[in-house]
Amino acid sequence: SLVRLGFWLLAVCTAHAAAMVVLEGMALRDAAWLTATTIVTVGYGDLFAKTDAGRLATVGFMYVGGIFVVASLVSALVDWRTDQQER
């Protein structure tokens, strides 16, 4: 479960970075930075999507990656930790 969620998170982050490269014309380094600051909800504002398609991709990324996958990953970690403590 943890490994599967980790792969999902990696896949979503990779897809968002690729979308920023294609849709926004960002360098891969900048796209990775935007993805990293978005997934942890910091959002410094130094980089952001300027086109409607880029903004839509970022909002979708936040809902799928930032909320669902990260929350599921944290939940799985807590469950694993609880199981370890009970043993």
PDB file of N, CA and C in Angstrom:
ATOM      1  N   SER A   1       0.819  -1.192   0.000  1.00  0.00           N
ATOM      2  CA  SER A   1       0.000   0.000   0.000  1.00  0.00           C
ATOM      3  C   SER A   1       0.866   1.260   0.000  1.00  0.00           C
ATOM      4  N   LEU A   2       1.862   1.312   0.888  1.00  0.00           N
ATOM      5  CA  LEU A   2       2.746   2.482   0.926  1.00  0.00           C
ATOM      6  C   LEU A   2       3.537   2.631  -0.364  1.00  0.00           C
ATOM      7  N   VAL A   3       4.034   1.522  -0.871  1.00  0.00           N
ATOM      8  CA  VAL A   3       4.817   1.568  -2.107  1.00  0.00           C
ATOM      9  C   VAL A   3       3.935   2.013  -3.268  1.00  0.00           C
ATOM     10  N   ARG A   4       2.731   1.459  -3.331  1.00  0.00           N
ATOM     11  CA  ARG A   4       1.807   1.828  -4.402  1.00  0.00           C
ATOM     12  C   ARG A   4       1.482   3.327  -4.341  1.00  0.00           C
ATOM     13  N   LEU A   5       1.213   3.854  -3.162  1.00  0.00           N
ATOM     14  CA  LEU A   5       0.921   5.275  -3.013  1.00  0.00           C
ATOM     15  C   LEU A   5       2.135   6.136  -3.344  1.00  0.00           C
ATOM     16  N   GLY A   6       3.310   5.642  -2.983  1.00  0.00           N
ATOM     17  CA  GLY A   6       4.534   6.356  -3.337  1.00  0.00           C
ATOM     18  C   GLY A   6       4.718   6.449  -4.846  1.00  0.00           C
ATOM     19  N   PHE A   7       4.418   5.367  -5.539  1.00  0.00           N
ATOM     20  CA  PHE A   7       4.491   5.390  -7.002  1.00  0.00           C
ATOM     21  C   PHE A   7       3.444   6.330  -7.592  1.00  0.00           C
ATOM     22  N   TRP A   8       2.234   6.331  -7.020  1.00  0.00           N
ATOM     23  CA  TRP A   8       1.194   7.251  -7.485  1.00  0.00           C
ATOM     24  C   TRP A   8       1.638   8.697  -7.314  1.00  0.00           C
ATOM     25  N   LEU A   9       2.228   9.003  -6.173  1.00  0.00           N
ATOM     26  CA  LEU A   9       2.705  10.357  -5.922  1.00  0.00           C
ATOM     27  C   LEU A   9       3.794  10.737  -6.919  1.00  0.00           C
ATOM     28  N   LEU A  10       4.709   9.834  -7.167  1.00  0.00           N
ATOM     29  CA  LEU A  10       5.768  10.084  -8.147  1.00  0.00           C
ATOM     30  C   LEU A  10       5.179  10.289  -9.538  1.00  0.00           C
ATOM     31  N   ALA A  11       4.193   9.475  -9.902  1.00  0.00           N
ATOM     32  CA  ALA A  11       3.564   9.588 -11.218  1.00  0.00           C
ATOM     33  C   ALA A  11       2.841  10.921 -11.379  1.00  0.00           C
ATOM     34  N   VAL A  12       2.117  11.336 -10.341  1.00  0.00           N
ATOM     35  CA  VAL A  12       1.384  12.596 -10.414  1.00  0.00           C
ATOM     36  C   VAL A  12       2.352  13.778 -10.484  1.00  0.00           C
ATOM     37  N   CYS A  13       3.421  13.732  -9.704  1.00  0.00           N
ATOM     38  CA  CYS A  13       4.421  14.800  -9.733  1.00  0.00           C
ATOM     39  C   CYS A  13       5.115  14.872 -11.093  1.00  0.00           C
ATOM     40  N   THR A  14       5.440  13.731 -11.651  1.00  0.00           N
ATOM     41  CA  THR A  14       6.079  13.691 -12.964  1.00  0.00           C
ATOM     42  C   THR A  14       5.140  14.241 -14.027  1.00  0.00           C
ATOM     43  N   ALA A  15       3.868  13.855 -13.957  1.00  0.00           N
ATOM     44  CA  ALA A  15       2.881  14.339 -14.929  1.00  0.00           C
ATOM     45  C   ALA A  15       2.715  15.853 -14.829  1.00  0.00           C
ATOM     46  N   HIS A  16       2.688  16.378 -13.622  1.00  0.00           N
ATOM     47  CA  HIS A  16       2.535  17.829 -13.468  1.00  0.00           C
ATOM     48  C   HIS A  16       3.762  18.565 -13.994  1.00  0.00           C
ATOM     49  N   ALA A  17       4.935  18.087 -13.657  1.00  0.00           N
ATOM     50  CA  ALA A  17       6.150  18.734 -14.156  1.00  0.00           C
ATOM     51  C   ALA A  17       6.184  18.704 -15.682  1.00  0.00           C
ATOM     52  N   ALA A  18       5.821  17.571 -16.268  1.00  0.00           N
ATOM     53  CA  ALA A  18       5.788  17.470 -17.733  1.00  0.00           C
ATOM     54  C   ALA A  18       4.756  18.432 -18.314  1.00  0.00           C
ATOM     55  N   ALA A  19       3.606  18.545 -17.660  1.00  0.00           N
ATOM     56  CA  ALA A  19       2.575  19.472 -18.132  1.00  0.00           C
ATOM     57  C   ALA A  19       3.076  20.914 -18.093  1.00  0.00           C
ATOM     58  N   MET A  20       3.822  21.274 -17.067  1.00  0.00           N
ATOM     59  CA  MET A  20       4.344  22.639 -16.975  1.00  0.00           C
ATOM     60  C   MET A  20       5.395  22.908 -18.051  1.00  0.00           C
ATOM     61  N   VAL A  21       6.183  21.894 -18.370  1.00  0.00           N
ATOM     62  CA  VAL A  21       7.169  22.046 -19.446  1.00  0.00           C
ATOM     63  C   VAL A  21       6.450  22.260 -20.778  1.00  0.00           C
ATOM     64  N   VAL A  22       5.428  21.439 -21.034  1.00  0.00           N
ATOM     65  CA  VAL A  22       4.719  21.504 -22.318  1.00  0.00           C
ATOM     66  C   VAL A  22       3.788  22.714 -22.388  1.00  0.00           C
ATOM     67  N   LEU A  23       2.954  22.901 -21.378  1.00  0.00           N
ATOM     68  CA  LEU A  23       1.927  23.941 -21.419  1.00  0.00           C
ATOM     69  C   LEU A  23       2.460  25.340 -21.145  1.00  0.00           C
ATOM     70  N   GLU A  24       3.426  25.447 -20.259  1.00  0.00           N
ATOM     71  CA  GLU A  24       3.933  26.746 -19.842  1.00  0.00           C
ATOM     72  C   GLU A  24       5.289  27.091 -20.449  1.00  0.00           C
ATOM     73  N   GLY A  25       5.938  26.103 -21.055  1.00  0.00           N
ATOM     74  CA  GLY A  25       7.264  26.347 -21.617  1.00  0.00           C
ATOM     75  C   GLY A  25       8.339  26.541 -20.555  1.00  0.00           C
ATOM     76  N   MET A  26       8.101  25.995 -19.367  1.00  0.00           N
ATOM     77  CA  MET A  26       9.076  26.114 -18.281  1.00  0.00           C
ATOM     78  C   MET A  26      10.248  25.169 -18.510  1.00  0.00           C
ATOM     79  N   ALA A  27      11.374  25.534 -17.960  1.00  0.00           N
ATOM     80  CA  ALA A  27      12.508  24.612 -17.920  1.00  0.00           C
ATOM     81  C   ALA A  27      12.150  23.504 -16.941  1.00  0.00           C
ATOM     82  N   LEU A  28      12.717  22.324 -17.144  1.00  0.00           N
ATOM     83  CA  LEU A  28      12.407  21.185 -16.278  1.00  0.00           C
ATOM     84  C   LEU A  28      12.698  21.512 -14.813  1.00  0.00           C
ATOM     85  N   ARG A  29      13.774  22.218 -14.568  1.00  0.00           N
ATOM     86  CA  ARG A  29      14.140  22.592 -13.196  1.00  0.00           C
ATOM     87  C   ARG A  29      13.062  23.475 -12.561  1.00  0.00           C
ATOM     88  N   ASP A  30      12.566  24.456 -13.303  1.00  0.00           N
ATOM     89  CA  ASP A  30      11.504  25.323 -12.793  1.00  0.00           C
ATOM     90  C   ASP A  30      10.195  24.556 -12.608  1.00  0.00           C
ATOM     91  N   ALA A  31       9.893  23.662 -13.547  1.00  0.00           N
ATOM     92  CA  ALA A  31       8.671  22.859 -13.449  1.00  0.00           C
ATOM     93  C   ALA A  31       8.722  21.953 -12.221  1.00  0.00           C
ATOM     94  N   ALA A  32       9.883  21.372 -11.952  1.00  0.00           N
ATOM     95  CA  ALA A  32      10.040  20.523 -10.770  1.00  0.00           C
ATOM     96  C   ALA A  32       9.886  21.352  -9.491  1.00  0.00           C
ATOM     97  N   TRP A  33      10.422  22.569  -9.484  1.00  0.00           N
ATOM     98  CA  TRP A  33      10.294  23.448  -8.320  1.00  0.00           C
ATOM     99  C   TRP A  33       8.835  23.819  -8.083  1.00  0.00           C
ATOM    100  N   LEU A  34       8.120  24.185  -9.149  1.00  0.00           N
ATOM    101  CA  LEU A  34       6.705  24.517  -9.013  1.00  0.00           C
ATOM    102  C   LEU A  34       5.923  23.318  -8.495  1.00  0.00           C
ATOM    103  N   THR A  35       6.218  22.142  -9.012  1.00  0.00           N
ATOM    104  CA  THR A  35       5.534  20.929  -8.567  1.00  0.00           C
ATOM    105  C   THR A  35       5.806  20.666  -7.093  1.00  0.00           C
ATOM    106  N   ALA A  36       7.048  20.782  -6.684  1.00  0.00           N
ATOM    107  CA  ALA A  36       7.414  20.517  -5.285  1.00  0.00           C
ATOM    108  C   ALA A  36       6.757  21.517  -4.341  1.00  0.00           C
ATOM    109  N   THR A  37       6.757  22.800  -4.687  1.00  0.00           N
ATOM    110  CA  THR A  37       6.148  23.794  -3.796  1.00  0.00           C
ATOM    111  C   THR A  37       4.629  23.696  -3.797  1.00  0.00           C
ATOM    112  N   THR A  38       4.056  23.205  -4.883  1.00  0.00           N
ATOM    113  CA  THR A  38       2.601  23.038  -4.949  1.00  0.00           C
ATOM    114  C   THR A  38       2.154  21.821  -4.141  1.00  0.00           C
ATOM    115  N   ILE A  39       2.887  20.709  -4.248  1.00  0.00           N
ATOM    116  CA  ILE A  39       2.463  19.473  -3.564  1.00  0.00           C
ATOM    117  C   ILE A  39       2.497  19.633  -2.044  1.00  0.00           C
ATOM    118  N   VAL A  40       3.400  20.448  -1.534  1.00  0.00           N
ATOM    119  CA  VAL A  40       3.466  20.656  -0.091  1.00  0.00           C
ATOM    120  C   VAL A  40       2.697  21.907   0.339  1.00  0.00           C
ATOM    121  N   THR A  41       1.951  22.482  -0.582  1.00  0.00           N
ATOM    122  CA  THR A  41       1.085  23.650  -0.389  1.00  0.00           C
ATOM    123  C   THR A  41       1.818  24.887   0.128  1.00  0.00           C
ATOM    124  N   VAL A  42       3.101  25.001  -0.156  1.00  0.00           N
ATOM    125  CA  VAL A  42       3.843  26.198   0.234  1.00  0.00           C
ATOM    126  C   VAL A  42       3.550  27.309  -0.765  1.00  0.00           C
ATOM    127  N   GLY A  43       3.754  27.031  -2.048  1.00  0.00           N
ATOM    128  CA  GLY A  43       3.435  27.987  -3.101  1.00  0.00           C
ATOM    129  C   GLY A  43       4.063  29.350  -2.893  1.00  0.00           C
ATOM    130  N   TYR A  44       5.375  29.439  -2.993  1.00  0.00           N
ATOM    131  CA  TYR A  44       6.079  30.699  -2.743  1.00  0.00           C
ATOM    132  C   TYR A  44       5.620  31.832  -3.650  1.00  0.00           C
ATOM    133  N   GLY A  45       5.140  31.501  -4.853  1.00  0.00           N
ATOM    134  CA  GLY A  45       4.694  32.544  -5.773  1.00  0.00           C
ATOM    135  C   GLY A  45       5.766  33.016  -6.725  1.00  0.00           C
ATOM    136  N   ASP A  46       6.985  32.504  -6.580  1.00  0.00           N
ATOM    137  CA  ASP A  46       8.037  32.895  -7.499  1.00  0.00           C
ATOM    138  C   ASP A  46       7.825  32.283  -8.880  1.00  0.00           C
ATOM    139  N   LEU A  47       7.201  31.130  -8.939  1.00  0.00           N
ATOM    140  CA  LEU A  47       6.820  30.486 -10.194  1.00  0.00           C
ATOM    141  C   LEU A  47       5.352  30.124 -10.112  1.00  0.00           C
ATOM    142  N   PHE A  48       4.650  30.332 -11.205  1.00  0.00           N
ATOM    143  CA  PHE A  48       3.236  29.976 -11.248  1.00  0.00           C
ATOM    144  C   PHE A  48       2.814  29.813 -12.694  1.00  0.00           C
ATOM    145  N   ALA A  49       1.715  29.113 -12.883  1.00  0.00           N
ATOM    146  CA  ALA A  49       1.184  28.894 -14.229  1.00  0.00           C
ATOM    147  C   ALA A  49       0.526  30.178 -14.719  1.00  0.00           C
ATOM    148  N   LYS A  50       0.801  30.520 -15.958  1.00  0.00           N
ATOM    149  CA  LYS A  50       0.265  31.755 -16.523  1.00  0.00           C
ATOM    150  C   LYS A  50      -0.868  31.512 -17.508  1.00  0.00           C
ATOM    151  N   THR A  51      -0.911  30.343 -18.121  1.00  0.00           N
ATOM    152  CA  THR A  51      -1.960  30.041 -19.091  1.00  0.00           C
ATOM    153  C   THR A  51      -3.123  29.340 -18.401  1.00  0.00           C
ATOM    154  N   ASP A  52      -4.278  29.396 -19.033  1.00  0.00           N
ATOM    155  CA  ASP A  52      -5.447  28.704 -18.468  1.00  0.00           C
ATOM    156  C   ASP A  52      -5.207  27.207 -18.381  1.00  0.00           C
ATOM    157  N   ALA A  53      -4.594  26.631 -19.408  1.00  0.00           N
ATOM    158  CA  ALA A  53      -4.321  25.187 -19.401  1.00  0.00           C
ATOM    159  C   ALA A  53      -3.347  24.831 -18.278  1.00  0.00           C
ATOM    160  N   GLY A  54      -2.330  25.648 -18.068  1.00  0.00           N
ATOM    161  CA  GLY A  54      -1.378  25.403 -16.986  1.00  0.00           C
ATOM    162  C   GLY A  54      -2.015  25.536 -15.618  1.00  0.00           C
ATOM    163  N   ARG A  55      -2.878  26.503 -15.473  1.00  0.00           N
ATOM    164  CA  ARG A  55      -3.585  26.696 -14.203  1.00  0.00           C
ATOM    165  C   ARG A  55      -4.518  25.526 -13.921  1.00  0.00           C
ATOM    166  N   LEU A  56      -5.217  25.071 -14.958  1.00  0.00           N
ATOM    167  CA  LEU A  56      -6.108  23.924 -14.797  1.00  0.00           C
ATOM    168  C   LEU A  56      -5.318  22.672 -14.409  1.00  0.00           C
ATOM    169  N   ALA A  57      -4.158  22.478 -15.035  1.00  0.00           N
ATOM    170  CA  ALA A  57      -3.305  21.334 -14.694  1.00  0.00           C
ATOM    171  C   ALA A  57      -2.836  21.422 -13.244  1.00  0.00           C
ATOM    172  N   THR A  58      -2.517  22.619 -12.790  1.00  0.00           N
ATOM    173  CA  THR A  58      -2.047  22.793 -11.413  1.00  0.00           C
ATOM    174  C   THR A  58      -3.170  22.563 -10.415  1.00  0.00           C
ATOM    175  N   VAL A  59      -4.357  23.042 -10.710  1.00  0.00           N
ATOM    176  CA  VAL A  59      -5.498  22.800  -9.815  1.00  0.00           C
ATOM    177  C   VAL A  59      -5.790  21.308  -9.752  1.00  0.00           C
ATOM    178  N   GLY A  60      -5.802  20.645 -10.903  1.00  0.00           N
ATOM    179  CA  GLY A  60      -6.020  19.203 -10.928  1.00  0.00           C
ATOM    180  C   GLY A  60      -4.952  18.466 -10.146  1.00  0.00           C
ATOM    181  N   PHE A  61      -3.719  18.909 -10.287  1.00  0.00           N
ATOM    182  CA  PHE A  61      -2.603  18.320  -9.550  1.00  0.00           C
ATOM    183  C   PHE A  61      -2.803  18.472  -8.052  1.00  0.00           C
ATOM    184  N   MET A  62      -3.259  19.633  -7.615  1.00  0.00           N
ATOM    185  CA  MET A  62      -3.472  19.849  -6.184  1.00  0.00           C
ATOM    186  C   MET A  62      -4.558  18.930  -5.650  1.00  0.00           C
ATOM    187  N   TYR A  63      -5.639  18.756  -6.403  1.00  0.00           N
ATOM    188  CA  TYR A  63      -6.714  17.889  -5.928  1.00  0.00           C
ATOM    189  C   TYR A  63      -6.309  16.432  -5.927  1.00  0.00           C
ATOM    190  N   VAL A  64      -5.674  15.980  -7.005  1.00  0.00           N
ATOM    191  CA  VAL A  64      -5.295  14.574  -7.097  1.00  0.00           C
ATOM    192  C   VAL A  64      -4.052  14.291  -6.261  1.00  0.00           C
ATOM    193  N   GLY A  65      -3.012  15.079  -6.457  1.00  0.00           N
ATOM    194  CA  GLY A  65      -1.744  14.834  -5.772  1.00  0.00           C
ATOM    195  C   GLY A  65      -1.692  15.383  -4.374  1.00  0.00           C
ATOM    196  N   GLY A  66      -2.070  16.632  -4.241  1.00  0.00           N
ATOM    197  CA  GLY A  66      -1.919  17.292  -2.965  1.00  0.00           C
ATOM    198  C   GLY A  66      -2.899  16.853  -1.909  1.00  0.00           C
ATOM    199  N   ILE A  67      -4.082  16.519  -2.314  1.00  0.00           N
ATOM    200  CA  ILE A  67      -5.097  16.170  -1.330  1.00  0.00           C
ATOM    201  C   ILE A  67      -5.269  14.662  -1.232  1.00  0.00           C
ATOM    202  N   PHE A  68      -5.605  14.019  -2.338  1.00  0.00           N
ATOM    203  CA  PHE A  68      -5.932  12.600  -2.298  1.00  0.00           C
ATOM    204  C   PHE A  68      -4.722  11.711  -2.034  1.00  0.00           C
ATOM    205  N   VAL A  69      -3.695  11.831  -2.849  1.00  0.00           N
ATOM    206  CA  VAL A  69      -2.552  10.922  -2.737  1.00  0.00           C
ATOM    207  C   VAL A  69      -1.772  11.169  -1.449  1.00  0.00           C
ATOM    208  N   VAL A  70      -1.487  12.422  -1.135  1.00  0.00           N
ATOM    209  CA  VAL A  70      -0.718  12.707   0.076  1.00  0.00           C
ATOM    210  C   VAL A  70      -1.523  12.324   1.324  1.00  0.00           C
ATOM    211  N   ALA A  71      -2.816  12.617   1.347  1.00  0.00           N
ATOM    212  CA  ALA A  71      -3.637  12.232   2.496  1.00  0.00           C
ATOM    213  C   ALA A  71      -3.692  10.708   2.634  1.00  0.00           C
ATOM    214  N   SER A  72      -3.822  10.012   1.518  1.00  0.00           N
ATOM    215  CA  SER A  72      -3.828   8.541   1.558  1.00  0.00           C
ATOM    216  C   SER A  72      -2.492   8.002   2.044  1.00  0.00           C
ATOM    217  N   LEU A  73      -1.404   8.619   1.605  1.00  0.00           N
ATOM    218  CA  LEU A  73      -0.073   8.199   2.021  1.00  0.00           C
ATOM    219  C   LEU A  73       0.113   8.410   3.522  1.00  0.00           C
ATOM    220  N   VAL A  74      -0.298   9.548   4.026  1.00  0.00           N
ATOM    221  CA  VAL A  74      -0.185   9.827   5.463  1.00  0.00           C
ATOM    222  C   VAL A  74      -1.052   8.853   6.256  1.00  0.00           C
ATOM    223  N   SER A  75      -2.249   8.596   5.776  1.00  0.00           N
ATOM    224  CA  SER A  75      -3.134   7.642   6.447  1.00  0.00           C
ATOM    225  C   SER A  75      -2.513   6.250   6.492  1.00  0.00           C
ATOM    226  N   ALA A  76      -1.932   5.818   5.390  1.00  0.00           N
ATOM    227  CA  ALA A  76      -1.291   4.500   5.345  1.00  0.00           C
ATOM    228  C   ALA A  76      -0.089   4.449   6.285  1.00  0.00           C
ATOM    229  N   LEU A  77       0.666   5.531   6.367  1.00  0.00           N
ATOM    230  CA  LEU A  77       1.803   5.579   7.288  1.00  0.00           C
ATOM    231  C   LEU A  77       1.349   5.497   8.742  1.00  0.00           C
ATOM    232  N   VAL A  78       0.283   6.202   9.067  1.00  0.00           N
ATOM    233  CA  VAL A  78      -0.245   6.167  10.430  1.00  0.00           C
ATOM    234  C   VAL A  78      -0.747   4.763  10.761  1.00  0.00           C
ATOM    235  N   ASP A  79      -1.464   4.140   9.833  1.00  0.00           N
ATOM    236  CA  ASP A  79      -1.940   2.768  10.048  1.00  0.00           C
ATOM    237  C   ASP A  79      -0.780   1.803  10.247  1.00  0.00           C
ATOM    238  N   TRP A  80       0.255   1.951   9.437  1.00  0.00           N
ATOM    239  CA  TRP A  80       1.439   1.076   9.541  1.00  0.00           C
ATOM    240  C   TRP A  80       2.101   1.286  10.896  1.00  0.00           C
ATOM    241  N   ARG A  81       2.261   2.528  11.294  1.00  0.00           N
ATOM    242  CA  ARG A  81       2.903   2.844  12.575  1.00  0.00           C
ATOM    243  C   ARG A  81       2.088   2.288  13.751  1.00  0.00           C
ATOM    244  N   THR A  82       0.777   2.410  13.675  1.00  0.00           N
ATOM    245  CA  THR A  82      -0.093   1.874  14.721  1.00  0.00           C
ATOM    246  C   THR A  82       0.019   0.355  14.808  1.00  0.00           C
ATOM    247  N   ASP A  83       0.048  -0.292  13.648  1.00  0.00           N
ATOM    248  CA  ASP A  83       0.227  -1.745  13.631  1.00  0.00           C
ATOM    249  C   ASP A  83       1.557  -2.157  14.254  1.00  0.00           C
ATOM    250  N   GLN A  84       2.605  -1.396  13.962  1.00  0.00           N
ATOM    251  CA  GLN A  84       3.931  -1.691  14.517  1.00  0.00           C
ATOM    252  C   GLN A  84       3.929  -1.540  16.030  1.00  0.00           C
ATOM    253  N   GLN A  85       3.274  -0.519  16.526  1.00  0.00           N
ATOM    254  CA  GLN A  85       3.236  -0.301  17.970  1.00  0.00           C
ATOM    255  C   GLN A  85       2.411  -1.365  18.689  1.00  0.00           C
ATOM    256  N   GLU A  86       1.335  -1.850  18.046  1.00  0.00           N
ATOM    257  CA  GLU A  86       0.509  -2.878  18.661  1.00  0.00           C
ATOM    258  C   GLU A  86       1.218  -4.225  18.738  1.00  0.00           C
ATOM    259  N   ARG A  87       2.135  -4.458  17.827  1.00  0.00           N
ATOM    260  CA  ARG A  87       2.875  -5.715  17.839  1.00  0.00           C
ATOM    261  C   ARG A  87       3.934  -5.672  18.905  1.00  0.00           C
TER     262      ARG A  87
END
